[in-house]
Every structure is written in structure tokens, then in C-alpha cells.
């Protein structure tokens, strides 16, 4: 059996968007964007913040969703 992957999920269908870093089904960090601002204004900062909270680097991510 293999261990669960480290996942970076991006939701960009709504104005604010959201980011989630997970280890399989376990959430490590979640960030919900401001619905008054386009996610394009903060997407990269939000990704970096979630990775920092999870104690990971982008290179650690095994799956993007």
C-alpha cells in the first residue's frame, strides 16, 4: 500500500477562489479568498501562505487539483 499524496487544490470558479493543501483526505491548510476581490490578485500569495502553514514547499506537492 502506498501513502496518501500531498495535494494542492485550487478553486478558481468563484471570484475569491480558495486553496487547500492536503495529505490524502487530511487537510493541512485551507485559505478562502475574499469574495470582493478577484483571486487573480492574491492567488500566488495564498498558495505560498498555505504551503508555509503546512510546512511544505511547492516541490513537495505530488498532485495538483
C-alpha atoms as a PDB file:
ATOM      1  CA  UNK A   1       0.000   0.000   0.000  1.00  0.00           C
ATOM      2  CA  UNK A   2       1.275   3.491  -0.819  1.00  0.00           C
ATOM      3  CA  UNK A   3       0.954   6.543   1.372  1.00  0.00           C
ATOM      4  CA  UNK A   4      -1.518   9.299   0.521  1.00  0.00           C
ATOM      5  CA  UNK A   5      -0.230  12.017  -1.828  1.00  0.00           C
ATOM      6  CA  UNK A   6       0.378  15.644  -0.901  1.00  0.00           C
ATOM      7  CA  UNK A   7      -2.256  17.600  -2.846  1.00  0.00           C
ATOM      8  CA  UNK A   8      -2.528  21.271  -3.754  1.00  0.00           C
ATOM      9  CA  UNK A   9      -6.096  22.101  -4.790  1.00  0.00           C
ATOM     10  CA  UNK A  10      -7.073  25.403  -6.372  1.00  0.00           C
ATOM     11  CA  UNK A  11     -10.667  26.538  -6.789  1.00  0.00           C
ATOM     12  CA  UNK A  12     -10.880  29.406  -9.241  1.00  0.00           C
ATOM     13  CA  UNK A  13     -14.508  29.179 -10.391  1.00  0.00           C
ATOM     14  CA  UNK A  14     -15.666  31.789  -7.879  1.00  0.00           C
ATOM     15  CA  UNK A  15     -14.423  35.369  -7.611  1.00  0.00           C
ATOM     16  CA  UNK A  16     -12.459  34.886  -4.374  1.00  0.00           C
ATOM     17  CA  UNK A  17     -11.324  31.329  -5.037  1.00  0.00           C
ATOM     18  CA  UNK A  18      -9.833  29.012  -2.448  1.00  0.00           C
ATOM     19  CA  UNK A  19      -6.695  26.963  -1.844  1.00  0.00           C
ATOM     20  CA  UNK A  20      -6.286  23.691   0.018  1.00  0.00           C
ATOM     21  CA  UNK A  21      -3.186  21.676   0.852  1.00  0.00           C
ATOM     22  CA  UNK A  22      -3.994  18.128   1.887  1.00  0.00           C
ATOM     23  CA  UNK A  23      -2.295  14.859   2.681  1.00  0.00           C
ATOM     24  CA  UNK A  24      -4.797  12.456   1.178  1.00  0.00           C
ATOM     25  CA  UNK A  25      -8.109  13.227   2.916  1.00  0.00           C
ATOM     26  CA  UNK A  26      -6.452  15.202   5.759  1.00  0.00           C
ATOM     27  CA  UNK A  27      -6.456  18.989   5.366  1.00  0.00           C
ATOM     28  CA  UNK A  28      -3.134  20.642   6.216  1.00  0.00           C
ATOM     29  CA  UNK A  29      -4.039  24.218   5.248  1.00  0.00           C
ATOM     30  CA  UNK A  30      -7.057  25.972   3.757  1.00  0.00           C
ATOM     31  CA  UNK A  31      -7.412  29.535   2.571  1.00  0.00           C
ATOM     32  CA  UNK A  32     -10.622  31.083   1.259  1.00  0.00           C
ATOM     33  CA  UNK A  33     -10.263  34.180  -0.865  1.00  0.00           C
ATOM     34  CA  UNK A  34     -12.121  37.433  -0.393  1.00  0.00           C
ATOM     35  CA  UNK A  35     -15.308  37.363  -2.485  1.00  0.00           C
ATOM     36  CA  UNK A  36     -14.942  41.109  -3.075  1.00  0.00           C
ATOM     37  CA  UNK A  37     -11.576  40.654  -4.825  1.00  0.00           C
ATOM     38  CA  UNK A  38     -10.598  38.582  -7.827  1.00  0.00           C
ATOM     39  CA  UNK A  39      -8.489  35.571  -6.902  1.00  0.00           C
ATOM     40  CA  UNK A  40      -6.002  36.729  -9.520  1.00  0.00           C
ATOM     41  CA  UNK A  41      -4.941  39.440  -7.044  1.00  0.00           C
ATOM     42  CA  UNK A  42      -3.941  37.017  -4.310  1.00  0.00           C
ATOM     43  CA  UNK A  43      -3.682  33.506  -5.766  1.00  0.00           C
ATOM     44  CA  UNK A  44       0.107  33.175  -5.605  1.00  0.00           C
ATOM     45  CA  UNK A  45       0.304  34.730  -2.136  1.00  0.00           C
ATOM     46  CA  UNK A  46      -2.458  32.405  -0.917  1.00  0.00           C
ATOM     47  CA  UNK A  47      -0.659  29.354  -2.338  1.00  0.00           C
ATOM     48  CA  UNK A  48       2.565  30.393  -0.614  1.00  0.00           C
ATOM     49  CA  UNK A  49       0.744  31.009   2.683  1.00  0.00           C
ATOM     50  CA  UNK A  50      -0.932  27.583   2.600  1.00  0.00           C
ATOM     51  CA  UNK A  51       2.362  25.866   1.842  1.00  0.00           C
ATOM     52  CA  UNK A  52       4.014  27.767   4.706  1.00  0.00           C
ATOM     53  CA  UNK A  53       1.252  26.795   7.161  1.00  0.00           C
ATOM     54  CA  UNK A  54       1.546  23.158   6.045  1.00  0.00           C
ATOM     55  CA  UNK A  55       5.349  23.284   6.374  1.00  0.00           C
ATOM     56  CA  UNK A  56       5.824  22.318   2.731  1.00  0.00           C
ATOM     57  CA  UNK A  57       7.494  23.603  -0.408  1.00  0.00           C
ATOM     58  CA  UNK A  58       5.911  23.577  -3.858  1.00  0.00           C
ATOM     59  CA  UNK A  59       8.382  20.829  -4.829  1.00  0.00           C
ATOM     60  CA  UNK A  60       6.834  18.601  -2.112  1.00  0.00           C
ATOM     61  CA  UNK A  61       3.418  18.605  -3.820  1.00  0.00           C
ATOM     62  CA  UNK A  62       2.671  15.338  -5.597  1.00  0.00           C
ATOM     63  CA  UNK A  63      -0.752  16.105  -7.065  1.00  0.00           C
ATOM     64  CA  UNK A  64      -2.392  19.280  -8.337  1.00  0.00           C
ATOM     65  CA  UNK A  65      -6.178  19.538  -8.485  1.00  0.00           C
END
